[in-house]
Amino acid sequence: MKPNREKRVANFHPSTERGNVGIAILTQLLIFLLAGFFVWGLLPGYWKEVVKGGPWKIVAAAIIGLVIIFAVTKELLARRERNRAHVRVAKVFREATDPGLQKRAALWLIEDNRRCPERLSDAGPRLFDVLLWMLKSDPDKLDRARAANGLGVLGDPRAIEHLLAATNDEYAYVRAEAAFGLGRLRALSAEKRLRELAVDDWDAGVRGRAKEALDWLGHPLES
């Protein structure tokens, strides 16, 4: 069963499946418009006169309607597939016993639900524990940073003290994402540390994330 579960997680890429139906409609309409101008420029004068007499307003309205229906249908199908993927990966996470599979599923769930963190409850209470283990013990600095970011998205205040500790990590990316997590958690107790990072950290990315976190707290750094 383990290879099948790994395949379920690996086959979904939330960042590439997201879309915006409005942008999709405008893009397709623009393509039709440009194609129309191109074809019009190729037509000889006689055909242009014939075309001008046709029912093109009705045709244009029909094309616009079809484009809108196509774009909306495509977006609805994509959302349904994302929902199904979320349910499957959440189930894999809850049932997995392999730490590596748990880690991959946890990171997938965080990325997929960044805008809807309330859906992370489907993964169960163990999601916090897995992210915390990654933050404190994972040898991969990038995954520690992703865990810090994920704890902020998850929104559990138990993470505050651990994220504060992570702001002293030797790797700048981890410090930056820990600052982000503290901002997402509205951790007022971390304001002093965030101001220190925003002013004194040698890495520009950390300073930027700390300033962003202070904005989340409602206490922006004065210029």
N, C-alpha and C. Protein backbone atom coordinates (compact mmCIF):
# COMPACT_ATOMS: atom_id res chain seq x y z
N MET A 1 0.81 -1.21 0.00
CA MET A 1 0.00 0.00 0.00
C MET A 1 0.84 1.26 0.00
N LYS A 2 2.04 1.20 0.58
CA LYS A 2 2.85 2.40 0.69
C LYS A 2 3.17 3.04 -0.65
N PRO A 3 3.63 2.28 -1.71
CA PRO A 3 3.91 2.92 -3.00
C PRO A 3 2.69 3.62 -3.57
N ASN A 4 1.50 3.04 -3.42
CA ASN A 4 0.30 3.67 -3.94
C ASN A 4 0.03 4.99 -3.23
N ARG A 5 0.24 5.02 -1.92
CA ARG A 5 0.03 6.26 -1.18
C ARG A 5 1.01 7.33 -1.61
N GLU A 6 2.27 6.93 -1.81
CA GLU A 6 3.26 7.90 -2.26
C GLU A 6 2.89 8.47 -3.62
N LYS A 7 2.34 7.59 -4.49
CA LYS A 7 1.95 8.05 -5.82
C LYS A 7 0.80 9.04 -5.73
N ARG A 8 -0.12 8.83 -4.80
CA ARG A 8 -1.24 9.75 -4.64
C ARG A 8 -0.76 11.14 -4.29
N VAL A 9 0.24 11.21 -3.39
CA VAL A 9 0.76 12.51 -3.00
C VAL A 9 1.56 13.14 -4.12
N ALA A 10 2.38 12.33 -4.79
CA ALA A 10 3.28 12.87 -5.81
C ALA A 10 2.55 13.35 -7.05
N ASN A 11 1.39 12.78 -7.34
CA ASN A 11 0.69 13.10 -8.59
C ASN A 11 -0.06 14.43 -8.56
N PHE A 12 -0.13 15.08 -7.40
CA PHE A 12 -0.87 16.32 -7.31
C PHE A 12 0.08 17.46 -7.03
N HIS A 13 -0.12 18.55 -7.77
CA HIS A 13 0.72 19.73 -7.64
C HIS A 13 -0.19 20.94 -7.48
N PRO A 14 -0.54 21.31 -6.24
CA PRO A 14 -1.54 22.35 -6.03
C PRO A 14 -1.18 23.68 -6.64
N SER A 15 0.08 24.02 -6.65
CA SER A 15 0.45 25.33 -7.17
C SER A 15 0.20 25.44 -8.67
N THR A 16 0.24 24.28 -9.40
CA THR A 16 0.03 24.33 -10.83
C THR A 16 -1.42 24.09 -11.22
N GLU A 17 -2.26 23.68 -10.29
CA GLU A 17 -3.64 23.37 -10.63
C GLU A 17 -4.58 24.54 -10.36
N ARG A 18 -4.08 25.56 -9.70
CA ARG A 18 -4.95 26.67 -9.36
C ARG A 18 -5.20 27.54 -10.58
N GLY A 19 -6.33 28.19 -10.64
CA GLY A 19 -6.63 29.06 -11.75
C GLY A 19 -7.61 30.13 -11.35
N ASN A 20 -7.78 31.08 -12.23
CA ASN A 20 -8.71 32.16 -12.00
C ASN A 20 -9.63 32.22 -13.20
N VAL A 21 -10.91 31.99 -12.95
CA VAL A 21 -11.84 31.88 -14.08
C VAL A 21 -11.95 33.19 -14.84
N GLY A 22 -11.86 34.32 -14.16
CA GLY A 22 -11.94 35.61 -14.85
C GLY A 22 -10.79 35.82 -15.80
N ILE A 23 -9.58 35.50 -15.33
CA ILE A 23 -8.40 35.64 -16.18
C ILE A 23 -8.49 34.69 -17.36
N ALA A 24 -8.97 33.47 -17.11
CA ALA A 24 -9.08 32.50 -18.20
C ALA A 24 -10.04 32.99 -19.28
N ILE A 25 -11.17 33.57 -18.88
CA ILE A 25 -12.14 34.08 -19.85
C ILE A 25 -11.54 35.22 -20.66
N LEU A 26 -10.90 36.17 -19.98
CA LEU A 26 -10.31 37.32 -20.68
C LEU A 26 -9.20 36.87 -21.63
N THR A 27 -8.41 35.91 -21.20
CA THR A 27 -7.32 35.43 -22.05
C THR A 27 -7.86 34.79 -23.33
N GLN A 28 -8.87 33.95 -23.19
CA GLN A 28 -9.42 33.29 -24.37
C GLN A 28 -10.14 34.28 -25.30
N LEU A 29 -10.82 35.25 -24.71
CA LEU A 29 -11.46 36.27 -25.55
C LEU A 29 -10.41 37.09 -26.30
N LEU A 30 -9.30 37.39 -25.63
CA LEU A 30 -8.23 38.13 -26.29
C LEU A 30 -7.64 37.34 -27.44
N ILE A 31 -7.48 36.03 -27.23
CA ILE A 31 -6.95 35.17 -28.31
C ILE A 31 -7.89 35.19 -29.51
N PHE A 32 -9.20 35.05 -29.26
CA PHE A 32 -10.18 35.09 -30.36
C PHE A 32 -10.14 36.44 -31.07
N LEU A 33 -10.01 37.52 -30.30
CA LEU A 33 -9.99 38.86 -30.89
C LEU A 33 -8.77 39.05 -31.78
N LEU A 34 -7.60 38.65 -31.29
CA LEU A 34 -6.38 38.79 -32.08
C LEU A 34 -6.42 37.91 -33.32
N ALA A 35 -6.97 36.69 -33.16
CA ALA A 35 -7.10 35.81 -34.31
C ALA A 35 -8.04 36.41 -35.35
N GLY A 36 -9.11 37.04 -34.88
CA GLY A 36 -10.05 37.69 -35.80
C GLY A 36 -9.41 38.82 -36.58
N PHE A 37 -8.63 39.65 -35.89
CA PHE A 37 -7.93 40.75 -36.58
C PHE A 37 -6.93 40.21 -37.60
N PHE A 38 -6.25 39.11 -37.23
CA PHE A 38 -5.27 38.53 -38.14
C PHE A 38 -5.94 38.01 -39.41
N VAL A 39 -7.04 37.27 -39.22
CA VAL A 39 -7.75 36.72 -40.38
C VAL A 39 -8.33 37.85 -41.23
N TRP A 40 -8.86 38.88 -40.57
CA TRP A 40 -9.43 40.02 -41.31
C TRP A 40 -8.38 40.68 -42.20
N GLY A 41 -7.15 40.78 -41.68
CA GLY A 41 -6.10 41.39 -42.47
C GLY A 41 -5.70 40.58 -43.68
N LEU A 42 -5.95 39.28 -43.66
CA LEU A 42 -5.59 38.42 -44.79
C LEU A 42 -6.67 38.37 -45.87
N LEU A 43 -7.90 38.76 -45.51
CA LEU A 43 -9.00 38.66 -46.47
C LEU A 43 -8.86 39.70 -47.59
N PRO A 44 -9.17 39.30 -48.83
CA PRO A 44 -9.21 40.29 -49.92
C PRO A 44 -10.39 41.23 -49.75
N GLY A 45 -10.37 42.35 -50.44
CA GLY A 45 -11.41 43.37 -50.29
C GLY A 45 -12.81 42.85 -50.54
N TYR A 46 -13.00 41.99 -51.56
CA TYR A 46 -14.32 41.46 -51.89
C TYR A 46 -14.90 40.69 -50.71
N TRP A 47 -14.06 39.82 -50.12
CA TRP A 47 -14.55 39.01 -49.01
C TRP A 47 -14.85 39.86 -47.78
N LYS A 48 -14.11 40.93 -47.62
CA LYS A 48 -14.39 41.82 -46.49
C LYS A 48 -15.79 42.43 -46.62
N GLU A 49 -16.18 42.78 -47.84
CA GLU A 49 -17.52 43.33 -48.05
C GLU A 49 -18.59 42.29 -47.77
N VAL A 50 -18.32 41.03 -48.16
CA VAL A 50 -19.27 39.95 -47.90
C VAL A 50 -19.41 39.71 -46.40
N VAL A 51 -18.29 39.72 -45.74
CA VAL A 51 -18.28 39.47 -44.30
C VAL A 51 -19.03 40.55 -43.54
N LYS A 52 -18.85 41.81 -43.97
CA LYS A 52 -19.51 42.92 -43.28
C LYS A 52 -21.03 42.78 -43.29
N GLY A 53 -21.57 42.10 -44.28
CA GLY A 53 -23.02 41.94 -44.35
C GLY A 53 -23.55 40.76 -43.55
N GLY A 54 -22.68 40.01 -42.91
CA GLY A 54 -23.12 38.83 -42.18
C GLY A 54 -23.62 39.16 -40.78
N PRO A 55 -24.23 38.17 -40.11
CA PRO A 55 -24.81 38.36 -38.76
C PRO A 55 -23.72 38.23 -37.67
N TRP A 56 -22.70 39.06 -37.76
CA TRP A 56 -21.53 38.84 -36.92
C TRP A 56 -21.74 39.25 -35.46
N LYS A 57 -22.69 40.11 -35.21
CA LYS A 57 -22.97 40.45 -33.82
C LYS A 57 -23.50 39.22 -33.07
N ILE A 58 -24.38 38.47 -33.75
CA ILE A 58 -24.92 37.26 -33.13
C ILE A 58 -23.83 36.21 -32.96
N VAL A 59 -22.98 36.08 -34.00
CA VAL A 59 -21.89 35.11 -33.93
C VAL A 59 -20.92 35.47 -32.80
N ALA A 60 -20.60 36.76 -32.70
CA ALA A 60 -19.67 37.21 -31.65
C ALA A 60 -20.25 36.93 -30.26
N ALA A 61 -21.55 37.22 -30.10
CA ALA A 61 -22.20 36.96 -28.81
C ALA A 61 -22.19 35.47 -28.47
N ALA A 62 -22.41 34.63 -29.50
CA ALA A 62 -22.40 33.19 -29.29
C ALA A 62 -21.01 32.69 -28.89
N ILE A 63 -19.99 33.23 -29.57
CA ILE A 63 -18.62 32.83 -29.25
C ILE A 63 -18.26 33.22 -27.82
N ILE A 64 -18.62 34.46 -27.43
CA ILE A 64 -18.34 34.93 -26.07
C ILE A 64 -19.04 34.03 -25.05
N GLY A 65 -20.30 33.68 -25.35
CA GLY A 65 -21.04 32.81 -24.45
C GLY A 65 -20.39 31.44 -24.31
N LEU A 66 -19.93 30.89 -25.43
CA LEU A 66 -19.27 29.57 -25.39
C LEU A 66 -17.96 29.64 -24.62
N VAL A 67 -17.21 30.72 -24.81
CA VAL A 67 -15.95 30.87 -24.09
C VAL A 67 -16.19 30.93 -22.58
N ILE A 68 -17.21 31.69 -22.18
CA ILE A 68 -17.53 31.81 -20.75
C ILE A 68 -17.96 30.46 -20.18
N ILE A 69 -18.82 29.75 -20.91
CA ILE A 69 -19.28 28.43 -20.44
C ILE A 69 -18.10 27.46 -20.32
N PHE A 70 -17.22 27.48 -21.32
CA PHE A 70 -16.05 26.60 -21.30
C PHE A 70 -15.15 26.91 -20.11
N ALA A 71 -14.87 28.21 -19.89
CA ALA A 71 -13.96 28.60 -18.81
C ALA A 71 -14.54 28.27 -17.44
N VAL A 72 -15.84 28.54 -17.26
CA VAL A 72 -16.48 28.26 -15.98
C VAL A 72 -16.51 26.75 -15.71
N THR A 73 -16.86 25.98 -16.76
CA THR A 73 -16.89 24.52 -16.60
C THR A 73 -15.52 23.97 -16.26
N LYS A 74 -14.49 24.47 -16.93
CA LYS A 74 -13.13 24.03 -16.67
C LYS A 74 -12.71 24.34 -15.24
N GLU A 75 -13.06 25.53 -14.76
CA GLU A 75 -12.71 25.91 -13.39
C GLU A 75 -13.45 25.06 -12.37
N LEU A 76 -14.72 24.79 -12.61
CA LEU A 76 -15.49 23.96 -11.68
C LEU A 76 -14.94 22.54 -11.61
N LEU A 77 -14.55 22.00 -12.77
CA LEU A 77 -13.97 20.66 -12.78
C LEU A 77 -12.62 20.64 -12.06
N ALA A 78 -11.84 21.71 -12.25
CA ALA A 78 -10.53 21.78 -11.57
C ALA A 78 -10.72 21.86 -10.06
N ARG A 79 -11.71 22.64 -9.62
CA ARG A 79 -11.97 22.74 -8.18
C ARG A 79 -12.43 21.40 -7.61
N ARG A 80 -13.26 20.70 -8.36
CA ARG A 80 -13.72 19.40 -7.88
C ARG A 80 -12.55 18.43 -7.76
N GLU A 81 -11.64 18.47 -8.72
CA GLU A 81 -10.47 17.59 -8.67
C GLU A 81 -9.55 17.96 -7.50
N ARG A 82 -9.39 19.27 -7.25
CA ARG A 82 -8.58 19.68 -6.10
C ARG A 82 -9.20 19.22 -4.80
N ASN A 83 -10.52 19.30 -4.70
CA ASN A 83 -11.20 18.83 -3.49
C ASN A 83 -11.00 17.34 -3.29
N ARG A 84 -11.11 16.58 -4.39
CA ARG A 84 -10.89 15.14 -4.29
C ARG A 84 -9.45 14.84 -3.88
N ALA A 85 -8.51 15.59 -4.46
CA ALA A 85 -7.10 15.38 -4.11
C ALA A 85 -6.87 15.68 -2.64
N HIS A 86 -7.49 16.76 -2.16
CA HIS A 86 -7.35 17.12 -0.75
C HIS A 86 -7.84 15.99 0.16
N VAL A 87 -8.99 15.45 -0.16
CA VAL A 87 -9.55 14.36 0.65
C VAL A 87 -8.62 13.16 0.64
N ARG A 88 -8.09 12.82 -0.53
CA ARG A 88 -7.22 11.64 -0.63
C ARG A 88 -5.92 11.83 0.14
N VAL A 89 -5.30 13.01 -0.03
CA VAL A 89 -4.02 13.23 0.64
C VAL A 89 -4.21 13.35 2.16
N ALA A 90 -5.31 13.97 2.59
CA ALA A 90 -5.59 14.04 4.03
C ALA A 90 -5.75 12.63 4.60
N LYS A 91 -6.39 11.75 3.85
CA LYS A 91 -6.56 10.37 4.30
C LYS A 91 -5.21 9.65 4.36
N VAL A 92 -4.39 9.87 3.34
CA VAL A 92 -3.05 9.28 3.33
C VAL A 92 -2.27 9.75 4.56
N PHE A 93 -2.35 11.05 4.85
CA PHE A 93 -1.61 11.58 6.01
C PHE A 93 -2.09 10.95 7.32
N ARG A 94 -3.40 10.84 7.48
CA ARG A 94 -3.92 10.29 8.73
C ARG A 94 -3.52 8.83 8.92
N GLU A 95 -3.42 8.08 7.83
CA GLU A 95 -3.18 6.64 7.92
C GLU A 95 -1.70 6.27 7.81
N ALA A 96 -0.87 7.19 7.35
CA ALA A 96 0.53 6.87 7.09
C ALA A 96 1.29 6.63 8.39
N THR A 97 2.22 5.70 8.33
CA THR A 97 3.12 5.44 9.46
C THR A 97 4.56 5.75 9.10
N ASP A 98 4.84 5.90 7.81
CA ASP A 98 6.18 6.22 7.36
C ASP A 98 6.44 7.72 7.52
N PRO A 99 7.47 8.14 8.25
CA PRO A 99 7.73 9.57 8.48
C PRO A 99 7.93 10.36 7.19
N GLY A 100 8.60 9.76 6.21
CA GLY A 100 8.82 10.47 4.95
C GLY A 100 7.52 10.76 4.22
N LEU A 101 6.63 9.78 4.20
CA LEU A 101 5.33 9.97 3.55
C LEU A 101 4.48 10.99 4.31
N GLN A 102 4.54 10.92 5.64
CA GLN A 102 3.83 11.90 6.45
C GLN A 102 4.31 13.31 6.12
N LYS A 103 5.61 13.47 6.00
CA LYS A 103 6.18 14.79 5.73
C LYS A 103 5.72 15.32 4.38
N ARG A 104 5.79 14.48 3.35
CA ARG A 104 5.38 14.92 2.02
C ARG A 104 3.89 15.28 1.99
N ALA A 105 3.08 14.45 2.63
CA ALA A 105 1.64 14.73 2.67
C ALA A 105 1.35 16.01 3.44
N ALA A 106 2.05 16.24 4.55
CA ALA A 106 1.84 17.44 5.35
C ALA A 106 2.17 18.69 4.55
N LEU A 107 3.30 18.68 3.85
CA LEU A 107 3.69 19.84 3.05
C LEU A 107 2.71 20.07 1.90
N TRP A 108 2.23 18.98 1.30
CA TRP A 108 1.24 19.11 0.23
C TRP A 108 -0.02 19.79 0.76
N LEU A 109 -0.50 19.34 1.91
CA LEU A 109 -1.73 19.89 2.48
C LEU A 109 -1.58 21.36 2.82
N ILE A 110 -0.43 21.74 3.35
CA ILE A 110 -0.20 23.15 3.67
C ILE A 110 -0.24 24.00 2.40
N GLU A 111 0.47 23.55 1.38
CA GLU A 111 0.52 24.32 0.14
C GLU A 111 -0.85 24.40 -0.53
N ASP A 112 -1.59 23.30 -0.50
CA ASP A 112 -2.88 23.26 -1.17
C ASP A 112 -3.94 24.09 -0.45
N ASN A 113 -3.79 24.27 0.86
CA ASN A 113 -4.82 24.95 1.64
C ASN A 113 -4.35 26.26 2.24
N ARG A 114 -3.34 26.84 1.61
CA ARG A 114 -2.79 28.10 2.12
C ARG A 114 -3.87 29.19 2.24
N ARG A 115 -4.79 29.20 1.29
CA ARG A 115 -5.86 30.22 1.32
C ARG A 115 -7.10 29.75 2.08
N CYS A 116 -7.15 28.47 2.43
CA CYS A 116 -8.29 27.92 3.17
C CYS A 116 -7.78 27.08 4.33
N PRO A 117 -7.09 27.69 5.29
CA PRO A 117 -6.45 26.90 6.36
C PRO A 117 -7.44 26.12 7.22
N GLU A 118 -8.71 26.52 7.21
CA GLU A 118 -9.68 25.78 8.01
C GLU A 118 -9.84 24.34 7.53
N ARG A 119 -9.52 24.09 6.27
CA ARG A 119 -9.64 22.72 5.74
C ARG A 119 -8.54 21.80 6.26
N LEU A 120 -7.50 22.37 6.86
CA LEU A 120 -6.42 21.55 7.39
C LEU A 120 -6.87 20.67 8.55
N SER A 121 -8.01 20.99 9.13
CA SER A 121 -8.54 20.16 10.21
C SER A 121 -8.84 18.74 9.71
N ASP A 122 -9.02 18.57 8.40
CA ASP A 122 -9.27 17.23 7.84
C ASP A 122 -8.08 16.29 8.06
N ALA A 123 -6.89 16.87 8.25
CA ALA A 123 -5.71 16.04 8.44
C ALA A 123 -5.60 15.51 9.87
N GLY A 124 -6.38 16.08 10.78
CA GLY A 124 -6.34 15.63 12.16
C GLY A 124 -5.28 16.35 12.98
N PRO A 125 -5.25 16.12 14.29
CA PRO A 125 -4.35 16.84 15.19
C PRO A 125 -2.88 16.52 14.97
N ARG A 126 -2.59 15.41 14.30
CA ARG A 126 -1.19 15.02 14.12
C ARG A 126 -0.43 15.94 13.18
N LEU A 127 -1.14 16.74 12.39
CA LEU A 127 -0.47 17.65 11.46
C LEU A 127 0.43 18.62 12.22
N PHE A 128 -0.06 19.14 13.34
CA PHE A 128 0.77 20.04 14.14
C PHE A 128 2.03 19.34 14.61
N ASP A 129 1.90 18.11 15.08
CA ASP A 129 3.05 17.37 15.61
C ASP A 129 4.09 17.11 14.52
N VAL A 130 3.63 16.77 13.32
CA VAL A 130 4.56 16.48 12.22
C VAL A 130 5.30 17.75 11.80
N LEU A 131 4.58 18.86 11.68
CA LEU A 131 5.22 20.11 11.31
C LEU A 131 6.21 20.56 12.39
N LEU A 132 5.85 20.37 13.64
CA LEU A 132 6.74 20.75 14.73
C LEU A 132 8.00 19.90 14.73
N TRP A 133 7.84 18.60 14.49
CA TRP A 133 9.02 17.73 14.39
C TRP A 133 9.92 18.20 13.27
N MET A 134 9.35 18.54 12.12
CA MET A 134 10.14 19.00 10.99
C MET A 134 10.90 20.27 11.35
N LEU A 135 10.22 21.21 12.00
CA LEU A 135 10.84 22.48 12.35
C LEU A 135 12.04 22.27 13.28
N LYS A 136 11.90 21.37 14.23
CA LYS A 136 12.92 21.21 15.26
C LYS A 136 14.00 20.19 14.91
N SER A 137 13.67 19.21 14.05
CA SER A 137 14.60 18.09 13.88
C SER A 137 14.97 17.75 12.45
N ASP A 138 14.25 18.28 11.46
CA ASP A 138 14.54 17.89 10.08
C ASP A 138 15.92 18.38 9.66
N PRO A 139 16.75 17.50 9.10
CA PRO A 139 18.10 17.94 8.68
C PRO A 139 18.09 18.83 7.43
N ASP A 140 17.00 18.81 6.69
CA ASP A 140 16.89 19.62 5.48
C ASP A 140 16.43 21.03 5.86
N LYS A 141 17.27 22.02 5.65
CA LYS A 141 16.92 23.39 6.06
C LYS A 141 15.72 23.94 5.31
N LEU A 142 15.54 23.53 4.05
CA LEU A 142 14.39 24.00 3.29
C LEU A 142 13.09 23.45 3.86
N ASP A 143 13.12 22.19 4.28
CA ASP A 143 11.92 21.61 4.88
C ASP A 143 11.65 22.19 6.27
N ARG A 144 12.70 22.56 6.99
CA ARG A 144 12.48 23.26 8.26
C ARG A 144 11.79 24.60 8.02
N ALA A 145 12.22 25.27 6.97
CA ALA A 145 11.59 26.55 6.64
C ALA A 145 10.14 26.36 6.22
N ARG A 146 9.88 25.33 5.42
CA ARG A 146 8.50 25.04 5.01
C ARG A 146 7.63 24.70 6.21
N ALA A 147 8.22 24.00 7.18
CA ALA A 147 7.46 23.67 8.39
C ALA A 147 7.13 24.92 9.19
N ALA A 148 8.08 25.84 9.28
CA ALA A 148 7.82 27.10 9.99
C ALA A 148 6.69 27.86 9.32
N ASN A 149 6.75 27.91 8.00
CA ASN A 149 5.68 28.57 7.24
C ASN A 149 4.35 27.85 7.47
N GLY A 150 4.39 26.52 7.44
CA GLY A 150 3.17 25.74 7.62
C GLY A 150 2.54 25.91 8.99
N LEU A 151 3.35 26.04 10.01
CA LEU A 151 2.80 26.26 11.35
C LEU A 151 2.07 27.60 11.42
N GLY A 152 2.59 28.58 10.70
CA GLY A 152 1.88 29.86 10.64
C GLY A 152 0.55 29.73 9.93
N VAL A 153 0.53 28.98 8.82
CA VAL A 153 -0.71 28.76 8.08
C VAL A 153 -1.71 27.98 8.93
N LEU A 154 -1.22 26.97 9.65
CA LEU A 154 -2.09 26.13 10.48
C LEU A 154 -2.80 26.94 11.55
N GLY A 155 -2.10 27.93 12.11
CA GLY A 155 -2.76 28.86 13.03
C GLY A 155 -2.90 28.37 14.46
N ASP A 156 -2.08 27.42 14.87
CA ASP A 156 -2.15 26.91 16.24
C ASP A 156 -1.19 27.73 17.12
N PRO A 157 -1.71 28.42 18.14
CA PRO A 157 -0.84 29.27 18.97
C PRO A 157 0.23 28.50 19.74
N ARG A 158 0.10 27.17 19.85
CA ARG A 158 1.14 26.38 20.52
C ARG A 158 2.48 26.48 19.79
N ALA A 159 2.43 26.92 18.54
CA ALA A 159 3.66 26.99 17.75
C ALA A 159 4.49 28.23 18.06
N ILE A 160 3.94 29.20 18.77
CA ILE A 160 4.62 30.49 18.93
C ILE A 160 6.00 30.33 19.56
N GLU A 161 6.09 29.63 20.68
CA GLU A 161 7.38 29.51 21.36
C GLU A 161 8.41 28.80 20.49
N HIS A 162 7.96 27.83 19.70
CA HIS A 162 8.88 27.09 18.83
C HIS A 162 9.32 27.94 17.64
N LEU A 163 8.42 28.75 17.12
CA LEU A 163 8.80 29.65 16.03
C LEU A 163 9.75 30.74 16.54
N LEU A 164 9.53 31.20 17.75
CA LEU A 164 10.46 32.16 18.34
C LEU A 164 11.87 31.57 18.42
N ALA A 165 11.94 30.32 18.85
CA ALA A 165 13.25 29.66 18.91
C ALA A 165 13.86 29.53 17.52
N ALA A 166 13.01 29.28 16.52
CA ALA A 166 13.50 29.09 15.15
C ALA A 166 14.02 30.39 14.54
N THR A 167 13.68 31.55 15.11
CA THR A 167 14.23 32.81 14.59
C THR A 167 15.72 32.93 14.87
N ASN A 168 16.28 31.98 15.63
CA ASN A 168 17.72 31.95 15.89
C ASN A 168 18.42 30.88 15.06
N ASP A 169 17.69 30.26 14.13
CA ASP A 169 18.29 29.22 13.29
C ASP A 169 19.45 29.81 12.49
N GLU A 170 20.44 28.96 12.21
CA GLU A 170 21.61 29.44 11.49
C GLU A 170 21.31 29.76 10.03
N TYR A 171 20.23 29.19 9.49
CA TYR A 171 19.89 29.41 8.09
C TYR A 171 18.86 30.53 7.96
N ALA A 172 19.17 31.47 7.09
CA ALA A 172 18.33 32.66 6.95
C ALA A 172 16.91 32.31 6.52
N TYR A 173 16.78 31.33 5.62
CA TYR A 173 15.45 30.99 5.11
C TYR A 173 14.55 30.50 6.23
N VAL A 174 15.13 29.74 7.18
CA VAL A 174 14.35 29.26 8.32
C VAL A 174 13.93 30.43 9.20
N ARG A 175 14.85 31.35 9.46
CA ARG A 175 14.52 32.52 10.28
C ARG A 175 13.42 33.35 9.62
N ALA A 176 13.52 33.50 8.31
CA ALA A 176 12.52 34.30 7.58
C ALA A 176 11.13 33.69 7.69
N GLU A 177 11.03 32.38 7.49
CA GLU A 177 9.72 31.74 7.54
C GLU A 177 9.19 31.64 8.96
N ALA A 178 10.09 31.55 9.94
CA ALA A 178 9.65 31.59 11.34
C ALA A 178 9.04 32.96 11.66
N ALA A 179 9.66 34.01 11.15
CA ALA A 179 9.09 35.35 11.33
C ALA A 179 7.73 35.45 10.67
N PHE A 180 7.62 34.90 9.47
CA PHE A 180 6.33 34.89 8.78
C PHE A 180 5.27 34.17 9.61
N GLY A 181 5.65 33.00 10.15
CA GLY A 181 4.71 32.22 10.96
C GLY A 181 4.23 32.99 12.17
N LEU A 182 5.15 33.70 12.82
CA LEU A 182 4.76 34.49 13.99
C LEU A 182 3.79 35.61 13.59
N GLY A 183 4.00 36.17 12.42
CA GLY A 183 3.07 37.20 11.96
C GLY A 183 1.70 36.62 11.68
N ARG A 184 1.65 35.48 11.00
CA ARG A 184 0.36 34.85 10.72
C ARG A 184 -0.38 34.48 12.00
N LEU A 185 0.36 34.15 13.05
CA LEU A 185 -0.25 33.78 14.32
C LEU A 185 -0.61 35.00 15.18
N ARG A 186 -0.31 36.20 14.65
CA ARG A 186 -0.57 37.44 15.42
C ARG A 186 0.07 37.35 16.81
N ALA A 187 1.31 36.91 16.84
CA ALA A 187 2.01 36.67 18.11
C ALA A 187 2.58 37.99 18.65
N LEU A 188 1.78 38.70 19.40
CA LEU A 188 2.22 39.98 19.96
C LEU A 188 3.41 39.80 20.90
N SER A 189 3.50 38.63 21.53
CA SER A 189 4.63 38.38 22.42
C SER A 189 5.95 38.32 21.67
N ALA A 190 5.89 38.19 20.35
CA ALA A 190 7.10 38.10 19.54
C ALA A 190 7.48 39.43 18.91
N GLU A 191 6.76 40.49 19.22
CA GLU A 191 7.00 41.77 18.55
C GLU A 191 8.44 42.26 18.74
N LYS A 192 8.96 42.16 19.96
CA LYS A 192 10.32 42.63 20.21
C LYS A 192 11.32 41.89 19.34
N ARG A 193 11.19 40.57 19.29
CA ARG A 193 12.11 39.77 18.48
C ARG A 193 11.96 40.09 17.00
N LEU A 194 10.75 40.29 16.54
CA LEU A 194 10.52 40.62 15.13
C LEU A 194 11.15 41.97 14.77
N ARG A 195 11.09 42.91 15.69
CA ARG A 195 11.72 44.22 15.44
C ARG A 195 13.24 44.07 15.37
N GLU A 196 13.79 43.20 16.19
CA GLU A 196 15.23 42.95 16.13
C GLU A 196 15.61 42.37 14.77
N LEU A 197 14.82 41.41 14.32
CA LEU A 197 15.11 40.81 13.02
C LEU A 197 14.95 41.82 11.89
N ALA A 198 13.92 42.65 11.98
CA ALA A 198 13.64 43.61 10.91
C ALA A 198 14.74 44.66 10.77
N VAL A 199 15.47 44.90 11.84
CA VAL A 199 16.49 45.94 11.83
C VAL A 199 17.90 45.37 11.74
N ASP A 200 18.16 44.29 12.48
CA ASP A 200 19.55 43.85 12.68
C ASP A 200 19.97 42.62 11.90
N ASP A 201 19.03 41.81 11.38
CA ASP A 201 19.45 40.58 10.71
C ASP A 201 20.23 40.92 9.44
N TRP A 202 21.29 40.16 9.19
CA TRP A 202 22.14 40.47 8.04
C TRP A 202 21.48 40.13 6.71
N ASP A 203 20.46 39.26 6.74
CA ASP A 203 19.83 38.81 5.49
C ASP A 203 18.62 39.68 5.15
N ALA A 204 18.58 40.19 3.92
CA ALA A 204 17.49 41.07 3.50
C ALA A 204 16.15 40.35 3.49
N GLY A 205 16.16 39.05 3.16
CA GLY A 205 14.91 38.29 3.14
C GLY A 205 14.32 38.16 4.53
N VAL A 206 15.17 37.96 5.53
CA VAL A 206 14.69 37.87 6.91
C VAL A 206 14.13 39.21 7.35
N ARG A 207 14.85 40.27 7.04
CA ARG A 207 14.37 41.61 7.42
C ARG A 207 13.01 41.89 6.78
N GLY A 208 12.87 41.49 5.51
CA GLY A 208 11.60 41.72 4.82
C GLY A 208 10.46 40.93 5.43
N ARG A 209 10.71 39.66 5.75
CA ARG A 209 9.67 38.82 6.36
C ARG A 209 9.29 39.35 7.75
N ALA A 210 10.29 39.82 8.50
CA ALA A 210 9.99 40.36 9.83
C ALA A 210 9.14 41.63 9.74
N LYS A 211 9.43 42.47 8.76
CA LYS A 211 8.61 43.67 8.55
C LYS A 211 7.18 43.28 8.16
N GLU A 212 7.07 42.27 7.31
CA GLU A 212 5.76 41.78 6.91
C GLU A 212 4.99 41.25 8.12
N ALA A 213 5.70 40.54 9.01
CA ALA A 213 5.07 40.00 10.21
C ALA A 213 4.58 41.12 11.12
N LEU A 214 5.38 42.18 11.25
CA LEU A 214 4.97 43.32 12.07
C LEU A 214 3.71 43.97 11.49
N ASP A 215 3.61 43.98 10.18
CA ASP A 215 2.38 44.50 9.55
C ASP A 215 1.19 43.62 9.93
N TRP A 216 1.39 42.28 9.95
CA TRP A 216 0.33 41.38 10.38
C TRP A 216 -0.11 41.71 11.81
N LEU A 217 0.85 42.07 12.65
CA LEU A 217 0.52 42.38 14.05
C LEU A 217 -0.19 43.72 14.19
N GLY A 218 -0.14 44.53 13.15
CA GLY A 218 -0.72 45.86 13.23
C GLY A 218 0.21 46.87 13.84
N HIS A 219 1.49 46.52 13.96
CA HIS A 219 2.50 47.41 14.52
C HIS A 219 3.67 47.52 13.55
N PRO A 220 3.45 48.16 12.40
CA PRO A 220 4.50 48.19 11.37
C PRO A 220 5.76 48.91 11.84
N LEU A 221 6.86 48.52 11.23
CA LEU A 221 8.14 49.16 11.55
C LEU A 221 8.15 50.55 10.95
N GLU A 222 8.46 51.53 11.76
CA GLU A 222 8.49 52.92 11.28
C GLU A 222 9.74 53.12 10.43
N SER A 223 9.54 53.87 9.35
CA SER A 223 10.67 54.12 8.43
C SER A 223 11.68 55.06 9.07
